[in-house]
Amino acid sequence: MARKKAKPYPKGRRLEYKVRDFFERLGFYVVRSAGSKGDFDLIAIRDGTCIGIQVKSGNKLPPESLRILSRQLGIKTMFITVVKGTMAHMYTFNPDGKESIMELRLR
């Protein structure tokens, strides 16, 4: 029997919850911007550090706007793509121009 494809909004929301839970386990206070269609899906805050996070499914590359926003707003921004189940790629952009990519496993 063929597996049903998830509709885009519920699938995106589910991925955002996985990422939110991941950051909450690290001690961040996380706000989800439900259905905003803005630059960030989540805002994570801990110890005076603010991170703007965009979450997508599939193997996508981050938009240039996240690099620009990091510099303009003076905050760290992240682009997290969930590529398979709980496996994700996390692209991090710092206001000073430094960037990093790492794999992470979400629960």
Protein backbone atom coordinates (compact mmCIF):
# COMPACT_ATOMS: atom_id res chain seq x y z
CA MET A 1 0.00 0.00 0.00
CA ALA A 2 1.34 3.42 -0.98
CA ARG A 3 2.18 5.81 1.83
CA LYS A 4 0.23 9.08 1.80
CA LYS A 5 2.23 12.25 1.32
CA ALA A 6 1.86 14.81 4.09
CA LYS A 7 0.29 18.11 3.18
CA PRO A 8 2.82 20.97 3.22
CA TYR A 9 1.50 22.97 6.21
CA PRO A 10 1.05 20.04 8.67
CA LYS A 11 4.41 18.60 7.61
CA GLY A 12 6.17 21.95 8.09
CA ARG A 13 4.50 22.47 11.46
CA ARG A 14 5.58 19.00 12.59
CA LEU A 15 9.20 19.74 11.60
CA GLU A 16 9.09 23.09 13.39
CA TYR A 17 7.91 21.31 16.57
CA LYS A 18 10.82 18.84 16.30
CA VAL A 19 13.31 21.68 16.00
CA ARG A 20 11.58 23.64 18.78
CA ASP A 21 11.77 20.63 21.11
CA PHE A 22 15.47 20.15 20.25
CA PHE A 23 16.31 23.73 21.26
CA GLU A 24 14.12 23.58 24.37
CA ARG A 25 16.07 20.51 25.51
CA LEU A 26 19.22 22.66 25.20
CA GLY A 27 17.66 25.22 27.57
CA PHE A 28 16.38 27.77 25.06
CA TYR A 29 13.08 29.60 25.34
CA VAL A 30 11.54 29.11 21.88
CA VAL A 31 8.74 31.05 20.20
CA ARG A 32 7.09 29.64 17.08
CA SER A 33 5.84 32.14 14.52
CA ALA A 34 2.85 30.13 13.31
CA GLY A 35 1.85 30.73 9.70
CA SER A 36 3.64 34.07 9.51
CA LYS A 37 5.38 33.48 6.16
CA GLY A 38 8.13 35.68 7.58
CA ASP A 39 11.88 35.23 7.69
CA PHE A 40 11.92 33.06 10.82
CA ASP A 41 9.78 30.10 11.82
CA LEU A 42 11.25 30.01 15.33
CA ILE A 43 13.06 32.43 17.63
CA ALA A 44 15.28 30.78 20.27
CA ILE A 45 16.54 32.80 23.26
CA ARG A 46 18.96 31.82 26.02
CA ASP A 47 21.34 33.86 28.20
CA GLY A 48 20.92 37.01 26.11
CA THR A 49 21.50 35.17 22.82
CA CYS A 50 18.78 35.37 20.18
CA ILE A 51 18.70 33.00 17.20
CA GLY A 52 16.34 33.33 14.23
CA ILE A 53 15.60 29.89 12.75
CA GLN A 54 14.04 28.89 9.44
CA VAL A 55 12.98 25.22 9.07
CA LYS A 56 12.44 23.35 5.79
CA SER A 57 12.13 19.75 4.67
CA GLY A 58 14.34 18.16 2.06
CA ASN A 59 17.87 18.79 0.98
CA LYS A 60 17.73 22.54 0.34
CA LEU A 61 20.32 25.28 0.51
CA PRO A 62 19.82 28.31 2.77
CA PRO A 63 18.55 31.56 1.26
CA GLU A 64 21.01 34.46 1.06
CA SER A 65 18.55 36.54 3.11
CA LEU A 66 19.55 34.67 6.31
CA ARG A 67 23.17 35.73 5.88
CA ILE A 68 22.08 39.32 5.32
CA LEU A 69 19.64 39.34 8.26
CA SER A 70 22.31 38.00 10.58
CA ARG A 71 24.56 40.95 9.80
CA GLN A 72 21.77 43.56 9.74
CA LEU A 73 20.09 42.43 12.98
CA GLY A 74 23.30 41.46 14.78
CA ILE A 75 21.94 38.03 15.68
CA LYS A 76 22.77 34.45 14.80
CA THR A 77 20.49 32.93 12.17
CA MET A 78 20.01 29.27 11.30
CA PHE A 79 18.59 27.32 8.40
CA ILE A 80 17.66 23.77 9.36
CA THR A 81 16.67 21.24 6.72
CA VAL A 82 15.21 17.96 7.90
CA VAL A 83 16.41 15.51 5.27
CA LYS A 84 15.17 12.16 6.55
CA GLY A 85 13.04 11.52 9.62
CA THR A 86 15.16 12.86 12.44
CA MET A 87 18.35 13.65 10.47
CA ALA A 88 18.89 17.36 9.77
CA HIS A 89 21.49 19.76 8.41
CA MET A 90 21.99 22.97 10.36
CA TYR A 91 23.51 26.00 8.63
CA THR A 92 24.55 28.72 11.08
CA PHE A 93 25.26 32.34 10.14
CA ASN A 94 26.90 34.73 12.61
CA PRO A 95 26.80 38.54 12.49
CA ASP A 96 30.60 38.62 12.01
CA GLY A 97 30.26 36.65 8.76
CA LYS A 98 31.39 33.27 10.11
CA GLU A 99 29.34 30.30 8.91
CA SER A 100 29.16 26.64 9.82
CA ILE A 101 27.31 23.52 8.76
CA MET A 102 26.67 20.48 10.92
CA GLU A 103 24.47 17.41 11.00
CA LEU A 104 22.16 16.87 13.91
CA ARG A 105 19.66 14.29 14.97
CA LEU A 106 16.27 15.44 16.16
CA ARG A 107 14.01 13.25 18.29
